[in-house]
Amino acid sequence: IQTVLNKIKLFLAGMRRRDISRGVR
């Protein structure tokens, strides 16, 4: 479960960075 949660966090962080970058662009 911890491994899954870590993967989810990494995914959300990537999505957030992509959203921020997209918003900045």
mmCIF file of all heavy atoms, coordinates in Angstrom:
data_MODEL
# 
_entry.id   MODEL 
# 
loop_
_atom_site.group_PDB 
_atom_site.id 
_atom_site.type_symbol 
_atom_site.label_atom_id 
_atom_site.label_alt_id 
_atom_site.label_comp_id 
_atom_site.label_asym_id 
_atom_site.label_entity_id 
_atom_site.label_seq_id 
_atom_site.pdbx_PDB_ins_code 
_atom_site.Cartn_x 
_atom_site.Cartn_y 
_atom_site.Cartn_z 
_atom_site.occupancy 
_atom_site.B_iso_or_equiv 
_atom_site.pdbx_formal_charge 
_atom_site.auth_seq_id 
_atom_site.auth_comp_id 
_atom_site.auth_asym_id 
_atom_site.auth_atom_id 
_atom_site.pdbx_PDB_model_num 
ATOM 1   N N   . ILE A 1 1  ? 0.841  -1.213 0.000   1.00 0.00 ? 1  ILE A N   1 
ATOM 2   C CA  . ILE A 1 1  ? 0.000  0.000  0.000   1.00 0.00 ? 1  ILE A CA  1 
ATOM 3   C C   . ILE A 1 1  ? 0.876  1.263  0.000   1.00 0.00 ? 1  ILE A C   1 
ATOM 4   O O   . ILE A 1 1  ? 0.605  2.238  -0.711  1.00 0.00 ? 1  ILE A O   1 
ATOM 5   C CB  . ILE A 1 1  ? -0.946 -0.014 1.211   1.00 0.00 ? 1  ILE A CB  1 
ATOM 6   C CG1 . ILE A 1 1  ? -1.965 -1.159 1.068   1.00 0.00 ? 1  ILE A CG1 1 
ATOM 7   C CG2 . ILE A 1 1  ? -1.653 1.323  1.352   1.00 0.00 ? 1  ILE A CG2 1 
ATOM 8   C CD1 . ILE A 1 1  ? -2.824 -1.369 2.300   1.00 0.00 ? 1  ILE A CD1 1 
ATOM 9   N N   . GLN A 1 2  ? 1.948  1.233  0.806   1.00 0.00 ? 2  GLN A N   1 
ATOM 10  C CA  . GLN A 1 2  ? 2.851  2.381  0.873   1.00 0.00 ? 2  GLN A CA  1 
ATOM 11  C C   . GLN A 1 2  ? 3.483  2.644  -0.489  1.00 0.00 ? 2  GLN A C   1 
ATOM 12  O O   . GLN A 1 2  ? 3.635  3.790  -0.916  1.00 0.00 ? 2  GLN A O   1 
ATOM 13  C CB  . GLN A 1 2  ? 3.939  2.127  1.937   1.00 0.00 ? 2  GLN A CB  1 
ATOM 14  C CG  . GLN A 1 2  ? 4.844  3.318  2.178   1.00 0.00 ? 2  GLN A CG  1 
ATOM 15  C CD  . GLN A 1 2  ? 4.090  4.446  2.846   1.00 0.00 ? 2  GLN A CD  1 
ATOM 16  O OE1 . GLN A 1 2  ? 3.182  4.201  3.655   1.00 0.00 ? 2  GLN A OE1 1 
ATOM 17  N NE2 . GLN A 1 2  ? 4.430  5.671  2.490   1.00 0.00 ? 2  GLN A NE2 1 
ATOM 18  N N   . THR A 1 3  ? 3.827  1.552  -1.148  1.00 0.00 ? 3  THR A N   1 
ATOM 19  C CA  . THR A 1 3  ? 4.422  1.714  -2.487  1.00 0.00 ? 3  THR A CA  1 
ATOM 20  C C   . THR A 1 3  ? 3.431  2.344  -3.444  1.00 0.00 ? 3  THR A C   1 
ATOM 21  O O   . THR A 1 3  ? 3.755  3.245  -4.239  1.00 0.00 ? 3  THR A O   1 
ATOM 22  C CB  . THR A 1 3  ? 4.863  0.339  -3.027  1.00 0.00 ? 3  THR A CB  1 
ATOM 23  O OG1 . THR A 1 3  ? 5.793  -0.246 -2.102  1.00 0.00 ? 3  THR A OG1 1 
ATOM 24  C CG2 . THR A 1 3  ? 5.524  0.483  -4.386  1.00 0.00 ? 3  THR A CG2 1 
ATOM 25  N N   . VAL A 1 4  ? 2.171  1.879  -3.366  1.00 0.00 ? 4  VAL A N   1 
ATOM 26  C CA  . VAL A 1 4  ? 1.133  2.465  -4.226  1.00 0.00 ? 4  VAL A CA  1 
ATOM 27  C C   . VAL A 1 4  ? 0.930  3.943  -3.931  1.00 0.00 ? 4  VAL A C   1 
ATOM 28  O O   . VAL A 1 4  ? 0.803  4.789  -4.833  1.00 0.00 ? 4  VAL A O   1 
ATOM 29  C CB  . VAL A 1 4  ? -0.181 1.682  -4.061  1.00 0.00 ? 4  VAL A CB  1 
ATOM 30  C CG1 . VAL A 1 4  ? -1.326 2.379  -4.804  1.00 0.00 ? 4  VAL A CG1 1 
ATOM 31  C CG2 . VAL A 1 4  ? -0.028 0.256  -4.567  1.00 0.00 ? 4  VAL A CG2 1 
ATOM 32  N N   . LEU A 1 5  ? 0.907  4.270  -2.633  1.00 0.00 ? 5  LEU A N   1 
ATOM 33  C CA  . LEU A 1 5  ? 0.730  5.687  -2.254  1.00 0.00 ? 5  LEU A CA  1 
ATOM 34  C C   . LEU A 1 5  ? 1.876  6.543  -2.770  1.00 0.00 ? 5  LEU A C   1 
ATOM 35  O O   . LEU A 1 5  ? 1.669  7.678  -3.239  1.00 0.00 ? 5  LEU A O   1 
ATOM 36  C CB  . LEU A 1 5  ? 0.616  5.809  -0.728  1.00 0.00 ? 5  LEU A CB  1 
ATOM 37  C CG  . LEU A 1 5  ? -0.662 5.248  -0.102  1.00 0.00 ? 5  LEU A CG  1 
ATOM 38  C CD1 . LEU A 1 5  ? -0.587 5.336  1.428   1.00 0.00 ? 5  LEU A CD1 1 
ATOM 39  C CD2 . LEU A 1 5  ? -1.879 5.995  -0.606  1.00 0.00 ? 5  LEU A CD2 1 
ATOM 40  N N   . ASN A 1 6  ? 3.068  6.045  -2.665  1.00 0.00 ? 6  ASN A N   1 
ATOM 41  C CA  . ASN A 1 6  ? 4.220  6.800  -3.173  1.00 0.00 ? 6  ASN A CA  1 
ATOM 42  C C   . ASN A 1 6  ? 4.104  7.028  -4.665  1.00 0.00 ? 6  ASN A C   1 
ATOM 43  O O   . ASN A 1 6  ? 4.426  8.112  -5.186  1.00 0.00 ? 6  ASN A O   1 
ATOM 44  C CB  . ASN A 1 6  ? 5.517  6.059  -2.843  1.00 0.00 ? 6  ASN A CB  1 
ATOM 45  C CG  . ASN A 1 6  ? 5.824  6.094  -1.341  1.00 0.00 ? 6  ASN A CG  1 
ATOM 46  O OD1 . ASN A 1 6  ? 5.396  7.014  -0.639  1.00 0.00 ? 6  ASN A OD1 1 
ATOM 47  N ND2 . ASN A 1 6  ? 6.561  5.096  -0.859  1.00 0.00 ? 6  ASN A ND2 1 
ATOM 48  N N   . LYS A 1 7  ? 3.643  5.982  -5.381  1.00 0.00 ? 7  LYS A N   1 
ATOM 49  C CA  . LYS A 1 7  ? 3.467  6.141  -6.822  1.00 0.00 ? 7  LYS A CA  1 
ATOM 50  C C   . LYS A 1 7  ? 2.406  7.191  -7.142  1.00 0.00 ? 7  LYS A C   1 
ATOM 51  O O   . LYS A 1 7  ? 2.542  7.985  -8.076  1.00 0.00 ? 7  LYS A O   1 
ATOM 52  C CB  . LYS A 1 7  ? 3.088  4.793  -7.442  1.00 0.00 ? 7  LYS A CB  1 
ATOM 53  C CG  . LYS A 1 7  ? 4.234  3.783  -7.446  1.00 0.00 ? 7  LYS A CG  1 
ATOM 54  C CD  . LYS A 1 7  ? 3.788  2.479  -8.084  1.00 0.00 ? 7  LYS A CD  1 
ATOM 55  C CE  . LYS A 1 7  ? 4.947  1.457  -8.113  1.00 0.00 ? 7  LYS A CE  1 
ATOM 56  N NZ  . LYS A 1 7  ? 4.546  0.172  -8.739  1.00 0.00 ? 7  LYS A NZ  1 
ATOM 57  N N   . ILE A 1 8  ? 1.324  7.149  -6.333  1.00 0.00 ? 8  ILE A N   1 
ATOM 58  C CA  . ILE A 1 8  ? 0.260  8.150  -6.549  1.00 0.00 ? 8  ILE A CA  1 
ATOM 59  C C   . ILE A 1 8  ? 0.784  9.567  -6.303  1.00 0.00 ? 8  ILE A C   1 
ATOM 60  O O   . ILE A 1 8  ? 0.489  10.507 -7.061  1.00 0.00 ? 8  ILE A O   1 
ATOM 61  C CB  . ILE A 1 8  ? -0.942 7.847  -5.638  1.00 0.00 ? 8  ILE A CB  1 
ATOM 62  C CG1 . ILE A 1 8  ? -1.608 6.536  -6.071  1.00 0.00 ? 8  ILE A CG1 1 
ATOM 63  C CG2 . ILE A 1 8  ? -1.953 8.984  -5.671  1.00 0.00 ? 8  ILE A CG2 1 
ATOM 64  C CD1 . ILE A 1 8  ? -2.716 6.067  -5.137  1.00 0.00 ? 8  ILE A CD1 1 
ATOM 65  N N   . LYS A 1 9  ? 1.565  9.750  -5.231  1.00 0.00 ? 9  LYS A N   1 
ATOM 66  C CA  . LYS A 1 9  ? 2.135  11.064 -4.931  1.00 0.00 ? 9  LYS A CA  1 
ATOM 67  C C   . LYS A 1 9  ? 3.032  11.536 -6.059  1.00 0.00 ? 9  LYS A C   1 
ATOM 68  O O   . LYS A 1 9  ? 2.990  12.704 -6.471  1.00 0.00 ? 9  LYS A O   1 
ATOM 69  C CB  . LYS A 1 9  ? 2.913  11.019 -3.622  1.00 0.00 ? 9  LYS A CB  1 
ATOM 70  C CG  . LYS A 1 9  ? 2.050  10.910 -2.389  1.00 0.00 ? 9  LYS A CG  1 
ATOM 71  C CD  . LYS A 1 9  ? 2.907  10.881 -1.127  1.00 0.00 ? 9  LYS A CD  1 
ATOM 72  C CE  . LYS A 1 9  ? 2.045  10.789 0.124   1.00 0.00 ? 9  LYS A CE  1 
ATOM 73  N NZ  . LYS A 1 9  ? 2.888  10.757 1.359   1.00 0.00 ? 9  LYS A NZ  1 
ATOM 74  N N   . LEU A 1 10 ? 3.865  10.631 -6.553  1.00 0.00 ? 10 LEU A N   1 
ATOM 75  C CA  . LEU A 1 10 ? 4.738  11.008 -7.662  1.00 0.00 ? 10 LEU A CA  1 
ATOM 76  C C   . LEU A 1 10 ? 3.929  11.388 -8.895  1.00 0.00 ? 10 LEU A C   1 
ATOM 77  O O   . LEU A 1 10 ? 4.254  12.353 -9.607  1.00 0.00 ? 10 LEU A O   1 
ATOM 78  C CB  . LEU A 1 10 ? 5.692  9.843  -7.984  1.00 0.00 ? 10 LEU A CB  1 
ATOM 79  C CG  . LEU A 1 10 ? 6.757  9.523  -6.921  1.00 0.00 ? 10 LEU A CG  1 
ATOM 80  C CD1 . LEU A 1 10 ? 7.536  8.261  -7.302  1.00 0.00 ? 10 LEU A CD1 1 
ATOM 81  C CD2 . LEU A 1 10 ? 7.700  10.693 -6.744  1.00 0.00 ? 10 LEU A CD2 1 
ATOM 82  N N   . PHE A 1 11 ? 2.862  10.678 -9.133  1.00 0.00 ? 11 PHE A N   1 
ATOM 83  C CA  . PHE A 1 11 ? 2.012  10.977 -10.281 1.00 0.00 ? 11 PHE A CA  1 
ATOM 84  C C   . PHE A 1 11 ? 1.360  12.362 -10.139 1.00 0.00 ? 11 PHE A C   1 
ATOM 85  O O   . PHE A 1 11 ? 1.343  13.159 -11.074 1.00 0.00 ? 11 PHE A O   1 
ATOM 86  C CB  . PHE A 1 11 ? 0.951  9.888  -10.429 1.00 0.00 ? 11 PHE A CB  1 
ATOM 87  C CG  . PHE A 1 11 ? -0.044 10.162 -11.524 1.00 0.00 ? 11 PHE A CG  1 
ATOM 88  C CD1 . PHE A 1 11 ? 0.303  9.994  -12.860 1.00 0.00 ? 11 PHE A CD1 1 
ATOM 89  C CD2 . PHE A 1 11 ? -1.328 10.624 -11.205 1.00 0.00 ? 11 PHE A CD2 1 
ATOM 90  C CE1 . PHE A 1 11 ? -0.615 10.256 -13.860 1.00 0.00 ? 11 PHE A CE1 1 
ATOM 91  C CE2 . PHE A 1 11 ? -2.232 10.897 -12.217 1.00 0.00 ? 11 PHE A CE2 1 
ATOM 92  C CZ  . PHE A 1 11 ? -1.880 10.701 -13.551 1.00 0.00 ? 11 PHE A CZ  1 
ATOM 93  N N   . LEU A 1 12 ? 0.814  12.602 -8.929  1.00 0.00 ? 12 LEU A N   1 
ATOM 94  C CA  . LEU A 1 12 ? 0.158  13.904 -8.695  1.00 0.00 ? 12 LEU A CA  1 
ATOM 95  C C   . LEU A 1 12 ? 1.161  15.055 -8.774  1.00 0.00 ? 12 LEU A C   1 
ATOM 96  O O   . LEU A 1 12 ? 0.840  16.136 -9.300  1.00 0.00 ? 12 LEU A O   1 
ATOM 97  C CB  . LEU A 1 12 ? -0.532 13.901 -7.325  1.00 0.00 ? 12 LEU A CB  1 
ATOM 98  C CG  . LEU A 1 12 ? -1.754 12.975 -7.199  1.00 0.00 ? 12 LEU A CG  1 
ATOM 99  C CD1 . LEU A 1 12 ? -2.289 12.995 -5.768  1.00 0.00 ? 12 LEU A CD1 1 
ATOM 100 C CD2 . LEU A 1 12 ? -2.851 13.371 -8.181  1.00 0.00 ? 12 LEU A CD2 1 
ATOM 101 N N   . ALA A 1 13 ? 2.355  14.819 -8.236  1.00 0.00 ? 13 ALA A N   1 
ATOM 102 C CA  . ALA A 1 13 ? 3.372  15.873 -8.313  1.00 0.00 ? 13 ALA A CA  1 
ATOM 103 C C   . ALA A 1 13 ? 3.726  16.170 -9.760  1.00 0.00 ? 13 ALA A C   1 
ATOM 104 O O   . ALA A 1 13 ? 3.885  17.332 -10.164 1.00 0.00 ? 13 ALA A O   1 
ATOM 105 C CB  . ALA A 1 13 ? 4.611  15.440 -7.526  1.00 0.00 ? 13 ALA A CB  1 
ATOM 106 N N   . GLY A 1 14 ? 3.832  15.098 -10.558 1.00 0.00 ? 14 GLY A N   1 
ATOM 107 C CA  . GLY A 1 14 ? 4.125  15.312 -11.971 1.00 0.00 ? 14 GLY A CA  1 
ATOM 108 C C   . GLY A 1 14 ? 3.002  16.065 -12.655 1.00 0.00 ? 14 GLY A C   1 
ATOM 109 O O   . GLY A 1 14 ? 3.228  16.959 -13.477 1.00 0.00 ? 14 GLY A O   1 
ATOM 110 N N   . MET A 1 15 ? 1.773  15.641 -12.331 1.00 0.00 ? 15 MET A N   1 
ATOM 111 C CA  . MET A 1 15 ? 0.628  16.348 -12.910 1.00 0.00 ? 15 MET A CA  1 
ATOM 112 C C   . MET A 1 15 ? 0.601  17.818 -12.504 1.00 0.00 ? 15 MET A C   1 
ATOM 113 O O   . MET A 1 15 ? 0.313  18.693 -13.321 1.00 0.00 ? 15 MET A O   1 
ATOM 114 C CB  . MET A 1 15 ? -0.666 15.656 -12.458 1.00 0.00 ? 15 MET A CB  1 
ATOM 115 C CG  . MET A 1 15 ? -0.917 14.285 -13.087 1.00 0.00 ? 15 MET A CG  1 
ATOM 116 S SD  . MET A 1 15 ? -1.191 14.381 -14.857 1.00 0.00 ? 15 MET A SD  1 
ATOM 117 C CE  . MET A 1 15 ? -2.745 15.259 -14.883 1.00 0.00 ? 15 MET A CE  1 
ATOM 118 N N   . ARG A 1 16 ? 0.925  18.070 -11.210 1.00 0.00 ? 16 ARG A N   1 
ATOM 119 C CA  . ARG A 1 16 ? 0.917  19.461 -10.721 1.00 0.00 ? 16 ARG A CA  1 
ATOM 120 C C   . ARG A 1 16 ? 1.971  20.288 -11.445 1.00 0.00 ? 16 ARG A C   1 
ATOM 121 O O   . ARG A 1 16 ? 1.731  21.430 -11.842 1.00 0.00 ? 16 ARG A O   1 
ATOM 122 C CB  . ARG A 1 16 ? 1.131  19.482 -9.211  1.00 0.00 ? 16 ARG A CB  1 
ATOM 123 C CG  . ARG A 1 16 ? 0.894  20.858 -8.582  1.00 0.00 ? 16 ARG A CG  1 
ATOM 124 C CD  . ARG A 1 16 ? 1.106  20.833 -7.078  1.00 0.00 ? 16 ARG A CD  1 
ATOM 125 N NE  . ARG A 1 16 ? 0.124  19.944 -6.430  1.00 0.00 ? 16 ARG A NE  1 
ATOM 126 C CZ  . ARG A 1 16 ? 0.441  18.801 -5.838  1.00 0.00 ? 16 ARG A CZ  1 
ATOM 127 N NH1 . ARG A 1 16 ? 1.704  18.392 -5.804  1.00 0.00 ? 16 ARG A NH1 1 
ATOM 128 N NH2 . ARG A 1 16 ? -0.501 18.043 -5.286  1.00 0.00 ? 16 ARG A NH2 1 
ATOM 129 N N   . ARG A 1 17 ? 3.151  19.726 -11.580 1.00 0.00 ? 17 ARG A N   1 
ATOM 130 C CA  . ARG A 1 17 ? 4.207  20.455 -12.279 1.00 0.00 ? 17 ARG A CA  1 
ATOM 131 C C   . ARG A 1 17 ? 3.815  20.699 -13.728 1.00 0.00 ? 17 ARG A C   1 
ATOM 132 O O   . ARG A 1 17 ? 4.052  21.779 -14.275 1.00 0.00 ? 17 ARG A O   1 
ATOM 133 C CB  . ARG A 1 17 ? 5.514  19.667 -12.200 1.00 0.00 ? 17 ARG A CB  1 
ATOM 134 C CG  . ARG A 1 17 ? 6.201  19.753 -10.838 1.00 0.00 ? 17 ARG A CG  1 
ATOM 135 C CD  . ARG A 1 17 ? 7.636  19.258 -10.921 1.00 0.00 ? 17 ARG A CD  1 
ATOM 136 N NE  . ARG A 1 17 ? 7.695  17.827 -11.297 1.00 0.00 ? 17 ARG A NE  1 
ATOM 137 C CZ  . ARG A 1 17 ? 7.709  16.830 -10.418 1.00 0.00 ? 17 ARG A CZ  1 
ATOM 138 N NH1 . ARG A 1 17 ? 7.655  17.106 -9.125  1.00 0.00 ? 17 ARG A NH1 1 
ATOM 139 N NH2 . ARG A 1 17 ? 7.776  15.582 -10.834 1.00 0.00 ? 17 ARG A NH2 1 
ATOM 140 N N   . ARG A 1 18 ? 3.198  19.679 -14.334 1.00 0.00 ? 18 ARG A N   1 
ATOM 141 C CA  . ARG A 1 18 ? 2.773  19.860 -15.734 1.00 0.00 ? 18 ARG A CA  1 
ATOM 142 C C   . ARG A 1 18 ? 1.669  20.925 -15.832 1.00 0.00 ? 18 ARG A C   1 
ATOM 143 O O   . ARG A 1 18 ? 1.672  21.750 -16.747 1.00 0.00 ? 18 ARG A O   1 
ATOM 144 C CB  . ARG A 1 18 ? 2.286  18.531 -16.310 1.00 0.00 ? 18 ARG A CB  1 
ATOM 145 C CG  . ARG A 1 18 ? 3.429  17.563 -16.623 1.00 0.00 ? 18 ARG A CG  1 
ATOM 146 C CD  . ARG A 1 18 ? 2.934  16.421 -17.484 1.00 0.00 ? 18 ARG A CD  1 
ATOM 147 N NE  . ARG A 1 18 ? 1.931  15.609 -16.802 1.00 0.00 ? 18 ARG A NE  1 
ATOM 148 C CZ  . ARG A 1 18 ? 2.245  14.565 -16.019 1.00 0.00 ? 18 ARG A CZ  1 
ATOM 149 N NH1 . ARG A 1 18 ? 3.508  14.232 -15.812 1.00 0.00 ? 18 ARG A NH1 1 
ATOM 150 N NH2 . ARG A 1 18 ? 1.284  13.862 -15.453 1.00 0.00 ? 18 ARG A NH2 1 
ATOM 151 N N   . ASP A 1 19 ? 0.749  20.911 -14.842 1.00 0.00 ? 19 ASP A N   1 
ATOM 152 C CA  . ASP A 1 19 ? -0.324 21.924 -14.853 1.00 0.00 ? 19 ASP A CA  1 
ATOM 153 C C   . ASP A 1 19 ? 0.241  23.325 -14.647 1.00 0.00 ? 19 ASP A C   1 
ATOM 154 O O   . ASP A 1 19 ? -0.189 24.285 -15.306 1.00 0.00 ? 19 ASP A O   1 
ATOM 155 C CB  . ASP A 1 19 ? -1.353 21.618 -13.758 1.00 0.00 ? 19 ASP A CB  1 
ATOM 156 C CG  . ASP A 1 19 ? -2.162 20.358 -14.079 1.00 0.00 ? 19 ASP A CG  1 
ATOM 157 O OD1 . ASP A 1 19 ? -2.176 19.965 -15.264 1.00 0.00 ? 19 ASP A OD1 1 
ATOM 158 O OD2 . ASP A 1 19 ? -2.761 19.786 -13.128 1.00 0.00 ? 19 ASP A OD2 1 
ATOM 159 N N   . ILE A 1 20 ? 1.176  23.422 -13.709 1.00 0.00 ? 20 ILE A N   1 
ATOM 160 C CA  . ILE A 1 20 ? 1.769  24.739 -13.461 1.00 0.00 ? 20 ILE A CA  1 
ATOM 161 C C   . ILE A 1 20 ? 2.518  25.223 -14.689 1.00 0.00 ? 20 ILE A C   1 
ATOM 162 O O   . ILE A 1 20 ? 2.408  26.387 -15.103 1.00 0.00 ? 20 ILE A O   1 
ATOM 163 C CB  . ILE A 1 20 ? 2.699  24.677 -12.231 1.00 0.00 ? 20 ILE A CB  1 
ATOM 164 C CG1 . ILE A 1 20 ? 1.866  24.429 -10.959 1.00 0.00 ? 20 ILE A CG1 1 
ATOM 165 C CG2 . ILE A 1 20 ? 3.496  25.951 -12.098 1.00 0.00 ? 20 ILE A CG2 1 
ATOM 166 C CD1 . ILE A 1 20 ? 2.714  24.215 -9.715  1.00 0.00 ? 20 ILE A CD1 1 
ATOM 167 N N   . SER A 1 21 ? 3.273  24.332 -15.281 1.00 0.00 ? 21 SER A N   1 
ATOM 168 C CA  . SER A 1 21 ? 4.027  24.716 -16.474 1.00 0.00 ? 21 SER A CA  1 
ATOM 169 C C   . SER A 1 21 ? 3.077  25.105 -17.601 1.00 0.00 ? 21 SER A C   1 
ATOM 170 O O   . SER A 1 21 ? 3.295  26.081 -18.329 1.00 0.00 ? 21 SER A O   1 
ATOM 171 C CB  . SER A 1 21 ? 4.922  23.549 -16.916 1.00 0.00 ? 21 SER A CB  1 
ATOM 172 O OG  . SER A 1 21 ? 5.859  23.237 -15.903 1.00 0.00 ? 21 SER A OG  1 
ATOM 173 N N   . ARG A 1 22 ? 1.998  24.319 -17.724 1.00 0.00 ? 22 ARG A N   1 
ATOM 174 C CA  . ARG A 1 22 ? 1.008  24.638 -18.756 1.00 0.00 ? 22 ARG A CA  1 
ATOM 175 C C   . ARG A 1 22 ? 0.346  25.981 -18.466 1.00 0.00 ? 22 ARG A C   1 
ATOM 176 O O   . ARG A 1 22 ? 0.139  26.791 -19.364 1.00 0.00 ? 22 ARG A O   1 
ATOM 177 C CB  . ARG A 1 22 ? -0.063 23.540 -18.818 1.00 0.00 ? 22 ARG A CB  1 
ATOM 178 C CG  . ARG A 1 22 ? -1.005 23.717 -20.028 1.00 0.00 ? 22 ARG A CG  1 
ATOM 179 C CD  . ARG A 1 22 ? -2.092 22.658 -20.055 1.00 0.00 ? 22 ARG A CD  1 
ATOM 180 N NE  . ARG A 1 22 ? -1.507 21.321 -20.124 1.00 0.00 ? 22 ARG A NE  1 
ATOM 181 C CZ  . ARG A 1 22 ? -1.551 20.432 -19.148 1.00 0.00 ? 22 ARG A CZ  1 
ATOM 182 N NH1 . ARG A 1 22 ? -2.141 20.741 -17.990 1.00 0.00 ? 22 ARG A NH1 1 
ATOM 183 N NH2 . ARG A 1 22 ? -1.009 19.226 -19.290 1.00 0.00 ? 22 ARG A NH2 1 
ATOM 184 N N   . GLY A 1 23 ? 0.034  26.236 -17.148 1.00 0.00 ? 23 GLY A N   1 
ATOM 185 C CA  . GLY A 1 23 ? -0.575 27.519 -16.792 1.00 0.00 ? 23 GLY A CA  1 
ATOM 186 C C   . GLY A 1 23 ? 0.361  28.689 -17.048 1.00 0.00 ? 23 GLY A C   1 
ATOM 187 O O   . GLY A 1 23 ? -0.061 29.751 -17.516 1.00 0.00 ? 23 GLY A O   1 
ATOM 188 N N   . VAL A 1 24 ? 1.649  28.473 -16.746 1.00 0.00 ? 24 VAL A N   1 
ATOM 189 C CA  . VAL A 1 24 ? 2.620  29.541 -17.006 1.00 0.00 ? 24 VAL A CA  1 
ATOM 190 C C   . VAL A 1 24 ? 2.733  29.812 -18.491 1.00 0.00 ? 24 VAL A C   1 
ATOM 191 O O   . VAL A 1 24 ? 2.782  30.971 -18.936 1.00 0.00 ? 24 VAL A O   1 
ATOM 192 C CB  . VAL A 1 24 ? 3.990  29.163 -16.392 1.00 0.00 ? 24 VAL A CB  1 
ATOM 193 C CG1 . VAL A 1 24 ? 5.066  30.132 -16.858 1.00 0.00 ? 24 VAL A CG1 1 
ATOM 194 C CG2 . VAL A 1 24 ? 3.905  29.149 -14.884 1.00 0.00 ? 24 VAL A CG2 1 
ATOM 195 N N   . ARG A 1 25 ? 2.741  28.750 -19.289 1.00 0.00 ? 25 ARG A N   1 
ATOM 196 C CA  . ARG A 1 25 ? 2.826  28.940 -20.736 1.00 0.00 ? 25 ARG A CA  1 
ATOM 197 C C   . ARG A 1 25 ? 1.587  29.655 -21.279 1.00 0.00 ? 25 ARG A C   1 
ATOM 198 O O   . ARG A 1 25 ? 1.682  30.540 -22.129 1.00 0.00 ? 25 ARG A O   1 
ATOM 199 C CB  . ARG A 1 25 ? 3.006  27.578 -21.425 1.00 0.00 ? 25 ARG A CB  1 
ATOM 200 C CG  . ARG A 1 25 ? 4.390  26.980 -21.226 1.00 0.00 ? 25 ARG A CG  1 
ATOM 201 C CD  . ARG A 1 25 ? 4.618  25.815 -22.205 1.00 0.00 ? 25 ARG A CD  1 
ATOM 202 N NE  . ARG A 1 25 ? 3.643  24.747 -22.001 1.00 0.00 ? 25 ARG A NE  1 
ATOM 203 C CZ  . ARG A 1 25 ? 3.835  23.720 -21.175 1.00 0.00 ? 25 ARG A CZ  1 
ATOM 204 N NH1 . ARG A 1 25 ? 4.949  23.643 -20.450 1.00 0.00 ? 25 ARG A NH1 1 
ATOM 205 N NH2 . ARG A 1 25 ? 2.913  22.776 -21.047 1.00 0.00 ? 25 ARG A NH2 1 
# 
